[in-house]
Amino acid sequence: MTYSITPPAIDWQTASRPRDVQVAEIGQHTLVLRSRTWERLKFEVEYGRRRGTTANSYLIRADKTVVIDPPGESFTAIYLEELQRHLDLHSLDYIVTSHVNSNRLATLEQLRNLAPQATILCSRPAANVLKSSLIAWNDDLRPLRSGDRVDLGQGHCLEFFQAPTPRWPDGLCTYDPATQTLFSDKLFGAHICDDALWDQHWRQLGDDRRYYFD
């Protein structure tokens, strides 16, 4: 008896497209920088979907400027190159990291080298991780609790909420009342790459989210 084995299908016809950073305005003074790869990253083998990855980061430019959630080291080079097209990093005031892992540390370290004046905003558990890493984090760390706020001016007074999960005990969400935007870190995540900015047909992402959270 002969058995035939069909290899897993690659979902996107765009699998050969190079990695890039898609930039778009999503609100007043607010840009999203979407680092994208249409191929499965090495660490994604556990997810099994093979639909690529989009790592969303955000830039708010008001009286003060903030970068929210720099991506992991798979995108460090192209992300920092694109970010510097939109911002003089010497004018960056804050870096928000909603969670910390070794993958993100590489980008954080390079970003801090380019913007040593910037203060890193994170949850207290995340600050403990940063302090215990081999990188010297000193006065540039500001641990946050739920209810803490940082005023960027022009109505952008960021509000912070701790959102720990079993996988990300240091989880932190950021809300900007000026644009009514919740920067939700991993809470609604999925490993998928697409050209669409918004989840307009979000029910179709059910399988992706199930794989991600399972």
N, C-alpha and C. Protein backbone atom coordinates (compact mmCIF):
# COMPACT_ATOMS: atom_id res chain seq x y z
N MET A 1 0.85 -1.18 0.00
CA MET A 1 0.00 0.00 0.00
C MET A 1 0.89 1.24 0.00
N THR A 2 0.53 2.23 -0.82
CA THR A 2 1.32 3.45 -0.94
C THR A 2 0.58 4.61 -0.30
N TYR A 3 1.30 5.34 0.53
CA TYR A 3 0.74 6.52 1.17
C TYR A 3 1.37 7.77 0.55
N SER A 4 0.56 8.74 0.31
CA SER A 4 1.08 10.02 -0.16
C SER A 4 0.94 11.05 0.95
N ILE A 5 1.97 11.83 1.15
CA ILE A 5 1.96 12.85 2.20
C ILE A 5 2.00 14.21 1.54
N THR A 6 1.00 15.01 1.83
CA THR A 6 0.93 16.35 1.27
C THR A 6 1.60 17.32 2.22
N PRO A 7 2.62 18.04 1.78
CA PRO A 7 3.29 18.99 2.67
C PRO A 7 2.37 20.13 3.05
N PRO A 8 2.61 20.77 4.20
CA PRO A 8 1.78 21.90 4.61
C PRO A 8 1.82 23.00 3.56
N ALA A 9 0.66 23.56 3.28
CA ALA A 9 0.59 24.61 2.27
C ALA A 9 1.08 25.93 2.83
N ILE A 10 1.77 26.70 1.99
CA ILE A 10 2.12 28.06 2.34
C ILE A 10 0.91 28.93 2.00
N ASP A 11 0.38 29.63 2.99
CA ASP A 11 -0.87 30.34 2.80
C ASP A 11 -0.74 31.53 1.85
N TRP A 12 0.41 32.22 1.90
CA TRP A 12 0.53 33.44 1.11
C TRP A 12 1.32 33.18 -0.17
N GLN A 13 0.80 33.71 -1.26
CA GLN A 13 1.56 33.68 -2.50
C GLN A 13 2.72 34.67 -2.43
N THR A 14 2.72 35.50 -1.41
CA THR A 14 3.74 36.54 -1.26
C THR A 14 4.90 36.07 -0.41
N ALA A 15 5.05 34.74 -0.21
CA ALA A 15 6.07 34.24 0.70
C ALA A 15 7.47 34.67 0.30
N SER A 16 7.69 34.98 -0.97
CA SER A 16 9.01 35.37 -1.43
C SER A 16 9.28 36.86 -1.27
N ARG A 17 8.30 37.63 -0.83
CA ARG A 17 8.51 39.07 -0.66
C ARG A 17 9.52 39.33 0.46
N PRO A 18 10.38 40.31 0.30
CA PRO A 18 11.37 40.59 1.35
C PRO A 18 10.71 41.22 2.58
N ARG A 19 11.39 41.13 3.69
CA ARG A 19 10.91 41.79 4.90
C ARG A 19 10.86 43.30 4.68
N ASP A 20 9.89 43.94 5.29
CA ASP A 20 9.77 45.38 5.15
C ASP A 20 9.10 45.96 6.39
N VAL A 21 8.98 47.29 6.40
CA VAL A 21 8.27 48.00 7.46
C VAL A 21 7.21 48.87 6.79
N GLN A 22 5.96 48.53 7.03
CA GLN A 22 4.84 49.29 6.49
C GLN A 22 4.49 50.40 7.49
N VAL A 23 4.40 51.63 6.99
CA VAL A 23 4.14 52.78 7.86
C VAL A 23 2.83 53.42 7.45
N ALA A 24 1.99 53.76 8.44
CA ALA A 24 0.71 54.40 8.14
C ALA A 24 0.29 55.25 9.33
N GLU A 25 -0.45 56.29 9.04
CA GLU A 25 -1.02 57.13 10.10
C GLU A 25 -2.32 56.49 10.57
N ILE A 26 -2.44 56.28 11.87
CA ILE A 26 -3.64 55.64 12.41
C ILE A 26 -4.42 56.56 13.34
N GLY A 27 -3.91 57.76 13.57
CA GLY A 27 -4.58 58.72 14.44
C GLY A 27 -3.78 60.00 14.49
N GLN A 28 -4.31 60.99 15.18
CA GLN A 28 -3.63 62.26 15.28
C GLN A 28 -2.24 62.10 15.91
N HIS A 29 -1.23 62.53 15.20
CA HIS A 29 0.17 62.47 15.65
C HIS A 29 0.67 61.04 15.86
N THR A 30 -0.02 60.06 15.32
CA THR A 30 0.27 58.66 15.63
C THR A 30 0.51 57.84 14.36
N LEU A 31 1.68 57.19 14.32
CA LEU A 31 2.02 56.30 13.22
C LEU A 31 2.14 54.88 13.73
N VAL A 32 1.81 53.92 12.87
CA VAL A 32 2.12 52.52 13.13
C VAL A 32 3.26 52.12 12.20
N LEU A 33 4.23 51.42 12.73
CA LEU A 33 5.33 50.86 11.95
C LEU A 33 5.21 49.34 12.05
N ARG A 34 4.81 48.71 10.95
CA ARG A 34 4.51 47.29 10.94
C ARG A 34 5.68 46.52 10.31
N SER A 35 6.52 45.94 11.14
CA SER A 35 7.62 45.12 10.63
C SER A 35 7.04 43.79 10.18
N ARG A 36 7.31 43.41 8.92
CA ARG A 36 6.61 42.26 8.34
C ARG A 36 7.58 41.26 7.71
N THR A 37 7.25 40.00 7.90
CA THR A 37 7.88 38.94 7.13
C THR A 37 6.79 37.95 6.73
N TRP A 38 6.86 37.52 5.46
CA TRP A 38 5.86 36.57 4.96
C TRP A 38 6.30 35.13 5.17
N GLU A 39 7.47 34.94 5.72
CA GLU A 39 7.95 33.61 6.03
C GLU A 39 7.91 33.39 7.54
N ARG A 40 7.75 32.16 7.95
CA ARG A 40 7.68 31.87 9.37
C ARG A 40 9.05 32.07 10.01
N LEU A 41 9.09 32.84 11.07
CA LEU A 41 10.33 33.02 11.81
C LEU A 41 10.68 31.76 12.57
N LYS A 42 11.94 31.59 12.89
CA LYS A 42 12.38 30.36 13.53
C LYS A 42 11.64 30.07 14.82
N PHE A 43 11.42 31.11 15.62
CA PHE A 43 10.77 30.87 16.91
C PHE A 43 9.29 30.56 16.78
N GLU A 44 8.74 30.67 15.58
CA GLU A 44 7.31 30.43 15.38
C GLU A 44 6.97 28.98 15.12
N VAL A 45 7.94 28.09 15.14
CA VAL A 45 7.66 26.70 14.79
C VAL A 45 6.56 26.11 15.66
N GLU A 46 6.42 26.63 16.90
CA GLU A 46 5.39 26.12 17.79
C GLU A 46 3.99 26.45 17.31
N TYR A 47 3.85 27.49 16.47
CA TYR A 47 2.51 27.91 16.07
C TYR A 47 1.99 27.13 14.88
N GLY A 48 2.86 26.75 13.96
CA GLY A 48 2.48 25.85 12.90
C GLY A 48 1.60 26.42 11.80
N ARG A 49 1.35 27.71 11.80
CA ARG A 49 0.43 28.26 10.81
C ARG A 49 1.12 28.68 9.51
N ARG A 50 2.39 29.08 9.59
CA ARG A 50 3.16 29.47 8.42
C ARG A 50 2.50 30.60 7.63
N ARG A 51 1.99 31.57 8.34
CA ARG A 51 1.34 32.72 7.68
C ARG A 51 2.11 34.01 7.96
N GLY A 52 3.38 33.87 8.33
CA GLY A 52 4.21 35.04 8.52
C GLY A 52 3.97 35.73 9.85
N THR A 53 4.58 36.90 9.99
CA THR A 53 4.46 37.66 11.24
C THR A 53 4.47 39.15 10.94
N THR A 54 3.64 39.87 11.64
CA THR A 54 3.66 41.33 11.64
C THR A 54 3.87 41.79 13.08
N ALA A 55 4.92 42.57 13.31
CA ALA A 55 5.20 43.11 14.64
C ALA A 55 4.88 44.61 14.63
N ASN A 56 3.84 44.99 15.34
CA ASN A 56 3.37 46.37 15.32
C ASN A 56 4.09 47.21 16.38
N SER A 57 4.63 48.33 15.95
CA SER A 57 5.19 49.33 16.84
C SER A 57 4.52 50.66 16.51
N TYR A 58 4.55 51.59 17.47
CA TYR A 58 3.82 52.84 17.28
C TYR A 58 4.70 54.03 17.66
N LEU A 59 4.48 55.13 16.98
CA LEU A 59 5.19 56.37 17.25
C LEU A 59 4.18 57.48 17.43
N ILE A 60 4.22 58.14 18.60
CA ILE A 60 3.36 59.29 18.87
C ILE A 60 4.26 60.51 18.98
N ARG A 61 3.99 61.51 18.15
CA ARG A 61 4.79 62.73 18.14
C ARG A 61 3.91 63.90 18.55
N ALA A 62 3.95 64.26 19.82
CA ALA A 62 3.25 65.42 20.33
C ALA A 62 4.31 66.40 20.84
N ASP A 63 4.05 67.11 21.97
CA ASP A 63 5.10 67.95 22.54
C ASP A 63 6.30 67.09 22.95
N LYS A 64 6.00 65.88 23.39
CA LYS A 64 7.02 64.88 23.63
C LYS A 64 6.73 63.68 22.75
N THR A 65 7.74 62.87 22.52
CA THR A 65 7.58 61.74 21.61
C THR A 65 7.78 60.43 22.35
N VAL A 66 7.08 59.41 21.86
CA VAL A 66 7.18 58.08 22.46
C VAL A 66 7.13 57.03 21.37
N VAL A 67 7.93 56.00 21.52
CA VAL A 67 7.86 54.79 20.71
C VAL A 67 7.29 53.69 21.59
N ILE A 68 6.30 52.99 21.07
CA ILE A 68 5.64 51.91 21.81
C ILE A 68 5.96 50.58 21.13
N ASP A 69 6.51 49.66 21.89
CA ASP A 69 6.76 48.28 21.47
C ASP A 69 7.68 48.13 20.26
N PRO A 70 8.96 48.45 20.42
CA PRO A 70 9.93 48.09 19.38
C PRO A 70 9.90 46.58 19.16
N PRO A 71 10.08 46.11 17.92
CA PRO A 71 9.95 44.68 17.64
C PRO A 71 11.18 43.90 18.09
N GLY A 72 11.15 42.59 17.90
CA GLY A 72 12.26 41.72 18.25
C GLY A 72 13.40 41.84 17.26
N GLU A 73 14.49 41.13 17.57
CA GLU A 73 15.73 41.30 16.82
C GLU A 73 15.63 40.82 15.37
N SER A 74 14.63 40.04 15.01
CA SER A 74 14.46 39.65 13.61
C SER A 74 14.24 40.86 12.72
N PHE A 75 13.75 41.96 13.31
CA PHE A 75 13.44 43.17 12.54
C PHE A 75 14.27 44.38 12.96
N THR A 76 15.22 44.21 13.85
CA THR A 76 15.91 45.37 14.43
C THR A 76 16.44 46.33 13.37
N ALA A 77 17.19 45.82 12.42
CA ALA A 77 17.86 46.68 11.44
C ALA A 77 16.87 47.47 10.59
N ILE A 78 15.90 46.77 9.98
CA ILE A 78 14.98 47.48 9.09
C ILE A 78 14.05 48.40 9.88
N TYR A 79 13.73 48.02 11.11
CA TYR A 79 12.86 48.86 11.94
C TYR A 79 13.55 50.17 12.31
N LEU A 80 14.77 50.09 12.81
CA LEU A 80 15.47 51.30 13.23
C LEU A 80 15.77 52.21 12.04
N GLU A 81 16.06 51.61 10.89
CA GLU A 81 16.27 52.41 9.69
C GLU A 81 15.01 53.19 9.32
N GLU A 82 13.86 52.52 9.37
CA GLU A 82 12.60 53.19 9.02
C GLU A 82 12.21 54.21 10.08
N LEU A 83 12.40 53.87 11.35
CA LEU A 83 12.05 54.79 12.43
C LEU A 83 12.80 56.12 12.28
N GLN A 84 14.06 56.05 11.90
CA GLN A 84 14.85 57.26 11.77
C GLN A 84 14.46 58.12 10.57
N ARG A 85 13.65 57.57 9.68
CA ARG A 85 13.10 58.38 8.60
C ARG A 85 11.97 59.29 9.09
N HIS A 86 11.41 58.95 10.23
CA HIS A 86 10.26 59.68 10.75
C HIS A 86 10.55 60.42 12.05
N LEU A 87 11.74 60.21 12.60
CA LEU A 87 12.04 60.81 13.90
C LEU A 87 13.54 60.95 14.09
N ASP A 88 13.96 62.13 14.54
CA ASP A 88 15.33 62.31 15.01
C ASP A 88 15.41 61.64 16.38
N LEU A 89 16.12 60.55 16.48
CA LEU A 89 16.12 59.78 17.72
C LEU A 89 16.70 60.55 18.90
N HIS A 90 17.43 61.62 18.64
CA HIS A 90 17.92 62.45 19.74
C HIS A 90 16.79 63.23 20.40
N SER A 91 15.62 63.26 19.75
CA SER A 91 14.47 63.96 20.32
C SER A 91 13.46 63.00 20.95
N LEU A 92 13.79 61.71 20.96
CA LEU A 92 12.88 60.72 21.53
C LEU A 92 12.89 60.83 23.05
N ASP A 93 11.69 60.93 23.64
CA ASP A 93 11.59 61.10 25.10
C ASP A 93 11.34 59.78 25.84
N TYR A 94 10.49 58.93 25.26
CA TYR A 94 10.09 57.71 25.97
C TYR A 94 10.08 56.51 25.03
N ILE A 95 10.35 55.34 25.61
CA ILE A 95 10.20 54.06 24.94
C ILE A 95 9.32 53.20 25.83
N VAL A 96 8.17 52.80 25.35
CA VAL A 96 7.28 51.91 26.10
C VAL A 96 7.51 50.49 25.62
N THR A 97 7.81 49.59 26.53
CA THR A 97 7.87 48.17 26.18
C THR A 97 6.81 47.44 27.00
N SER A 98 5.84 46.88 26.30
CA SER A 98 4.69 46.25 26.97
C SER A 98 5.03 44.91 27.58
N HIS A 99 6.12 44.30 27.13
CA HIS A 99 6.66 43.10 27.76
C HIS A 99 8.13 43.01 27.36
N VAL A 100 8.87 42.20 28.05
CA VAL A 100 10.29 42.06 27.78
C VAL A 100 10.64 40.59 27.61
N ASN A 101 11.41 40.29 26.57
CA ASN A 101 12.01 38.97 26.42
C ASN A 101 13.37 39.15 25.75
N SER A 102 14.11 38.07 25.61
CA SER A 102 15.45 38.18 25.05
C SER A 102 15.42 38.66 23.61
N ASN A 103 14.36 38.32 22.88
CA ASN A 103 14.22 38.73 21.50
C ASN A 103 14.10 40.25 21.38
N ARG A 104 13.34 40.84 22.26
CA ARG A 104 13.12 42.30 22.23
C ARG A 104 14.29 43.06 22.83
N LEU A 105 15.03 42.43 23.73
CA LEU A 105 16.16 43.10 24.36
C LEU A 105 17.17 43.61 23.35
N ALA A 106 17.39 42.84 22.30
CA ALA A 106 18.38 43.23 21.29
C ALA A 106 18.01 44.55 20.64
N THR A 107 16.74 44.74 20.32
CA THR A 107 16.30 45.99 19.72
C THR A 107 16.32 47.12 20.74
N LEU A 108 15.89 46.84 21.95
CA LEU A 108 15.91 47.86 23.00
C LEU A 108 17.31 48.39 23.23
N GLU A 109 18.28 47.51 23.24
CA GLU A 109 19.65 47.93 23.50
C GLU A 109 20.15 48.85 22.38
N GLN A 110 19.89 48.48 21.13
CA GLN A 110 20.34 49.33 20.03
C GLN A 110 19.61 50.66 20.00
N LEU A 111 18.31 50.63 20.30
CA LEU A 111 17.54 51.86 20.32
C LEU A 111 18.02 52.78 21.43
N ARG A 112 18.35 52.21 22.57
CA ARG A 112 18.86 53.03 23.68
C ARG A 112 20.21 53.64 23.32
N ASN A 113 21.03 52.90 22.59
CA ASN A 113 22.32 53.46 22.17
C ASN A 113 22.14 54.65 21.23
N LEU A 114 21.10 54.61 20.42
CA LEU A 114 20.82 55.71 19.49
C LEU A 114 20.09 56.85 20.16
N ALA A 115 19.37 56.55 21.24
CA ALA A 115 18.59 57.57 21.96
C ALA A 115 18.83 57.41 23.46
N PRO A 116 20.05 57.70 23.94
CA PRO A 116 20.38 57.46 25.34
C PRO A 116 19.59 58.34 26.31
N GLN A 117 19.00 59.42 25.80
CA GLN A 117 18.25 60.32 26.66
C GLN A 117 16.83 59.81 26.95
N ALA A 118 16.37 58.82 26.19
CA ALA A 118 14.99 58.35 26.32
C ALA A 118 14.80 57.52 27.60
N THR A 119 13.65 57.70 28.23
CA THR A 119 13.28 56.92 29.41
C THR A 119 12.46 55.72 28.98
N ILE A 120 12.79 54.56 29.51
CA ILE A 120 12.05 53.33 29.20
C ILE A 120 10.92 53.16 30.20
N LEU A 121 9.70 53.07 29.70
CA LEU A 121 8.50 52.89 30.52
C LEU A 121 8.06 51.44 30.40
N CYS A 122 7.85 50.78 31.54
CA CYS A 122 7.45 49.37 31.52
C CYS A 122 6.84 49.04 32.87
N SER A 123 6.29 47.85 32.98
CA SER A 123 5.74 47.40 34.25
C SER A 123 6.87 47.09 35.23
N ARG A 124 6.53 46.98 36.49
CA ARG A 124 7.55 46.67 37.49
C ARG A 124 8.18 45.29 37.26
N PRO A 125 7.39 44.26 36.92
CA PRO A 125 8.03 42.97 36.60
C PRO A 125 8.99 43.08 35.42
N ALA A 126 8.63 43.86 34.40
CA ALA A 126 9.52 44.03 33.25
C ALA A 126 10.80 44.75 33.66
N ALA A 127 10.67 45.74 34.53
CA ALA A 127 11.86 46.46 35.02
C ALA A 127 12.80 45.51 35.75
N ASN A 128 12.23 44.58 36.50
CA ASN A 128 13.08 43.60 37.20
C ASN A 128 13.84 42.72 36.22
N VAL A 129 13.17 42.34 35.12
CA VAL A 129 13.83 41.54 34.09
C VAL A 129 14.97 42.34 33.46
N LEU A 130 14.70 43.60 33.15
CA LEU A 130 15.73 44.43 32.53
C LEU A 130 16.93 44.61 33.46
N LYS A 131 16.66 44.82 34.73
CA LYS A 131 17.74 45.03 35.69
C LYS A 131 18.58 43.77 35.89
N SER A 132 17.96 42.61 35.71
CA SER A 132 18.68 41.36 35.90
C SER A 132 19.39 40.88 34.64
N SER A 133 19.19 41.59 33.52
CA SER A 133 19.86 41.22 32.28
C SER A 133 21.32 41.68 32.33
N LEU A 134 22.08 41.27 31.32
CA LEU A 134 23.49 41.63 31.28
C LEU A 134 23.70 43.07 30.83
N ILE A 135 22.64 43.73 30.39
CA ILE A 135 22.73 45.11 29.95
C ILE A 135 22.55 46.03 31.16
N ALA A 136 23.33 47.08 31.23
CA ALA A 136 23.25 48.00 32.37
C ALA A 136 22.11 48.99 32.17
N TRP A 137 21.01 48.75 32.89
CA TRP A 137 19.88 49.68 32.87
C TRP A 137 19.89 50.42 34.20
N ASN A 138 19.96 51.73 34.17
CA ASN A 138 20.08 52.50 35.40
C ASN A 138 18.96 53.53 35.50
N ASP A 139 19.32 54.79 35.35
CA ASP A 139 18.34 55.85 35.54
C ASP A 139 17.35 55.98 34.39
N ASP A 140 17.56 55.22 33.32
CA ASP A 140 16.66 55.35 32.17
C ASP A 140 15.42 54.48 32.29
N LEU A 141 15.22 53.81 33.41
CA LEU A 141 14.06 52.96 33.63
C LEU A 141 13.03 53.67 34.51
N ARG A 142 11.77 53.57 34.12
CA ARG A 142 10.69 54.09 34.95
C ARG A 142 9.60 53.02 35.06
N PRO A 143 9.58 52.26 36.16
CA PRO A 143 8.54 51.24 36.33
C PRO A 143 7.18 51.90 36.56
N LEU A 144 6.15 51.28 36.02
CA LEU A 144 4.79 51.83 36.10
C LEU A 144 3.84 50.88 36.81
N ARG A 145 2.83 51.47 37.42
CA ARG A 145 1.72 50.71 38.00
C ARG A 145 0.44 51.08 37.27
N SER A 146 -0.58 50.26 37.44
CA SER A 146 -1.87 50.58 36.84
C SER A 146 -2.35 51.93 37.36
N GLY A 147 -2.79 52.77 36.44
CA GLY A 147 -3.26 54.09 36.80
C GLY A 147 -2.24 55.19 36.61
N ASP A 148 -0.97 54.83 36.42
CA ASP A 148 0.05 55.84 36.15
C ASP A 148 -0.19 56.49 34.80
N ARG A 149 0.22 57.76 34.68
CA ARG A 149 0.03 58.50 33.44
C ARG A 149 1.30 59.24 33.06
N VAL A 150 1.45 59.44 31.75
CA VAL A 150 2.56 60.22 31.22
C VAL A 150 1.98 61.19 30.20
N ASP A 151 2.17 62.48 30.43
CA ASP A 151 1.59 63.52 29.58
C ASP A 151 2.56 63.87 28.46
N LEU A 152 2.15 63.63 27.22
CA LEU A 152 2.96 63.97 26.06
C LEU A 152 2.61 65.35 25.51
N GLY A 153 1.55 65.95 26.03
CA GLY A 153 1.08 67.22 25.50
C GLY A 153 0.10 67.04 24.36
N GLN A 154 -0.60 68.12 24.02
CA GLN A 154 -1.57 68.13 22.92
C GLN A 154 -2.66 67.08 23.10
N GLY A 155 -3.01 66.80 24.36
CA GLY A 155 -4.09 65.87 24.67
C GLY A 155 -3.67 64.43 24.79
N HIS A 156 -2.43 64.11 24.48
CA HIS A 156 -1.95 62.73 24.55
C HIS A 156 -1.39 62.45 25.95
N CYS A 157 -2.28 62.17 26.87
CA CYS A 157 -1.88 61.83 28.24
C CYS A 157 -2.03 60.31 28.40
N LEU A 158 -0.95 59.59 28.21
CA LEU A 158 -1.01 58.13 28.18
C LEU A 158 -1.37 57.57 29.55
N GLU A 159 -2.26 56.58 29.55
CA GLU A 159 -2.66 55.88 30.77
C GLU A 159 -2.18 54.43 30.67
N PHE A 160 -1.69 53.89 31.77
CA PHE A 160 -1.08 52.56 31.76
C PHE A 160 -1.84 51.61 32.67
N PHE A 161 -1.94 50.35 32.22
CA PHE A 161 -2.65 49.32 32.96
C PHE A 161 -1.86 48.02 32.89
N GLN A 162 -1.56 47.46 34.03
CA GLN A 162 -0.88 46.16 34.02
C GLN A 162 -1.87 45.10 33.55
N ALA A 163 -1.41 44.21 32.68
CA ALA A 163 -2.25 43.15 32.11
C ALA A 163 -1.46 41.86 32.07
N PRO A 164 -1.14 41.29 33.24
CA PRO A 164 -0.32 40.07 33.26
C PRO A 164 -1.09 38.87 32.74
N THR A 165 -0.37 37.99 32.04
CA THR A 165 -0.90 36.71 31.59
C THR A 165 0.09 35.64 32.00
N PRO A 166 -0.30 34.35 31.95
CA PRO A 166 0.66 33.30 32.32
C PRO A 166 1.94 33.35 31.50
N ARG A 167 1.84 33.69 30.22
CA ARG A 167 3.04 33.74 29.39
C ARG A 167 3.79 35.06 29.55
N TRP A 168 3.05 36.15 29.74
CA TRP A 168 3.65 37.48 29.87
C TRP A 168 3.25 38.09 31.22
N PRO A 169 3.86 37.67 32.31
CA PRO A 169 3.50 38.22 33.62
C PRO A 169 3.83 39.70 33.76
N ASP A 170 4.63 40.23 32.82
CA ASP A 170 5.00 41.65 32.88
C ASP A 170 4.16 42.49 31.92
N GLY A 171 3.05 41.95 31.42
CA GLY A 171 2.24 42.61 30.40
C GLY A 171 1.73 43.98 30.83
N LEU A 172 1.77 44.92 29.88
CA LEU A 172 1.35 46.30 30.14
C LEU A 172 0.58 46.81 28.93
N CYS A 173 -0.56 47.44 29.18
CA CYS A 173 -1.33 48.08 28.11
C CYS A 173 -1.25 49.59 28.27
N THR A 174 -1.34 50.27 27.14
CA THR A 174 -1.25 51.73 27.11
C THR A 174 -2.47 52.29 26.39
N TYR A 175 -3.10 53.30 27.00
CA TYR A 175 -4.28 53.91 26.39
C TYR A 175 -4.02 55.39 26.15
N ASP A 176 -4.33 55.84 24.92
CA ASP A 176 -4.19 57.25 24.58
C ASP A 176 -5.58 57.84 24.37
N PRO A 177 -6.08 58.66 25.32
CA PRO A 177 -7.43 59.22 25.18
C PRO A 177 -7.56 60.18 24.01
N ALA A 178 -6.46 60.75 23.55
CA ALA A 178 -6.55 61.71 22.44
C ALA A 178 -7.04 61.04 21.17
N THR A 179 -6.63 59.81 20.95
CA THR A 179 -7.05 59.07 19.75
C THR A 179 -7.96 57.90 20.10
N GLN A 180 -8.25 57.73 21.39
CA GLN A 180 -9.06 56.61 21.87
C GLN A 180 -8.49 55.28 21.39
N THR A 181 -7.18 55.16 21.50
CA THR A 181 -6.48 53.96 21.04
C THR A 181 -5.91 53.20 22.23
N LEU A 182 -6.17 51.90 22.26
CA LEU A 182 -5.57 51.02 23.25
C LEU A 182 -4.45 50.23 22.58
N PHE A 183 -3.24 50.43 23.06
CA PHE A 183 -2.09 49.66 22.58
C PHE A 183 -2.00 48.43 23.48
N SER A 184 -2.48 47.30 22.96
CA SER A 184 -2.86 46.16 23.80
C SER A 184 -1.83 45.05 23.89
N ASP A 185 -0.61 45.30 23.38
CA ASP A 185 0.45 44.31 23.47
C ASP A 185 0.00 42.98 22.86
N LYS A 186 0.01 41.89 23.64
CA LYS A 186 -0.26 40.55 23.11
C LYS A 186 -1.72 40.10 23.23
N LEU A 187 -2.57 40.94 23.81
CA LEU A 187 -3.90 40.45 24.19
C LEU A 187 -4.75 40.02 23.00
N PHE A 188 -4.54 40.60 21.82
CA PHE A 188 -5.34 40.25 20.65
C PHE A 188 -4.44 39.78 19.51
N GLY A 189 -3.32 39.16 19.86
CA GLY A 189 -2.29 38.84 18.88
C GLY A 189 -2.57 37.60 18.07
N ALA A 190 -1.85 37.51 16.96
CA ALA A 190 -1.81 36.31 16.12
C ALA A 190 -0.60 36.45 15.21
N HIS A 191 0.01 35.33 14.85
CA HIS A 191 1.14 35.37 13.92
C HIS A 191 0.60 35.28 12.51
N ILE A 192 0.51 36.46 11.88
CA ILE A 192 -0.04 36.53 10.53
C ILE A 192 0.51 37.79 9.86
N CYS A 193 0.74 37.73 8.57
CA CYS A 193 1.27 38.88 7.83
C CYS A 193 0.30 39.22 6.70
N ASP A 194 -0.01 40.51 6.56
CA ASP A 194 -0.95 40.93 5.54
C ASP A 194 -0.70 42.40 5.23
N ASP A 195 -1.29 42.88 4.15
CA ASP A 195 -1.19 44.29 3.80
C ASP A 195 -2.24 45.13 4.51
N ALA A 196 -3.30 44.50 5.00
CA ALA A 196 -4.39 45.24 5.62
C ALA A 196 -3.97 45.78 6.98
N LEU A 197 -4.28 47.06 7.23
CA LEU A 197 -3.95 47.67 8.51
C LEU A 197 -4.87 47.21 9.63
N TRP A 198 -6.13 46.99 9.29
CA TRP A 198 -7.15 46.71 10.31
C TRP A 198 -7.71 45.31 10.12
N ASP A 199 -8.14 44.72 11.23
CA ASP A 199 -8.80 43.40 11.19
C ASP A 199 -10.27 43.60 10.83
N GLN A 200 -10.51 43.97 9.60
CA GLN A 200 -11.88 44.27 9.18
C GLN A 200 -12.76 43.03 9.18
N HIS A 201 -12.16 41.87 8.93
CA HIS A 201 -12.91 40.61 8.96
C HIS A 201 -12.30 39.74 10.06
N TRP A 202 -12.41 40.25 11.26
CA TRP A 202 -11.68 39.66 12.39
C TRP A 202 -12.11 38.24 12.69
N ARG A 203 -13.35 37.88 12.36
CA ARG A 203 -13.79 36.50 12.64
C ARG A 203 -12.99 35.49 11.81
N GLN A 204 -12.48 35.92 10.66
CA GLN A 204 -11.70 35.01 9.82
C GLN A 204 -10.33 34.70 10.43
N LEU A 205 -9.94 35.44 11.47
CA LEU A 205 -8.66 35.21 12.12
C LEU A 205 -8.79 34.27 13.32
N GLY A 206 -9.96 33.66 13.48
CA GLY A 206 -10.20 32.81 14.63
C GLY A 206 -9.20 31.67 14.75
N ASP A 207 -8.90 30.99 13.64
CA ASP A 207 -7.95 29.88 13.68
C ASP A 207 -6.56 30.36 14.03
N ASP A 208 -6.16 31.51 13.49
CA ASP A 208 -4.84 32.06 13.78
C ASP A 208 -4.70 32.39 15.26
N ARG A 209 -5.72 33.00 15.82
CA ARG A 209 -5.66 33.37 17.24
C ARG A 209 -5.69 32.11 18.11
N ARG A 210 -6.47 31.11 17.68
CA ARG A 210 -6.52 29.88 18.48
C ARG A 210 -5.14 29.22 18.54
N TYR A 211 -4.46 29.13 17.39
CA TYR A 211 -3.10 28.57 17.39
C TYR A 211 -2.17 29.39 18.26
N TYR A 212 -2.31 30.71 18.16
CA TYR A 212 -1.43 31.60 18.91
C TYR A 212 -1.61 31.42 20.42
N PHE A 213 -2.85 31.43 20.87
CA PHE A 213 -3.09 31.37 22.32
C PHE A 213 -2.99 29.95 22.86
N ASP A 214 -3.35 28.95 22.05
CA ASP A 214 -3.15 27.57 22.53
C ASP A 214 -1.66 27.28 22.74
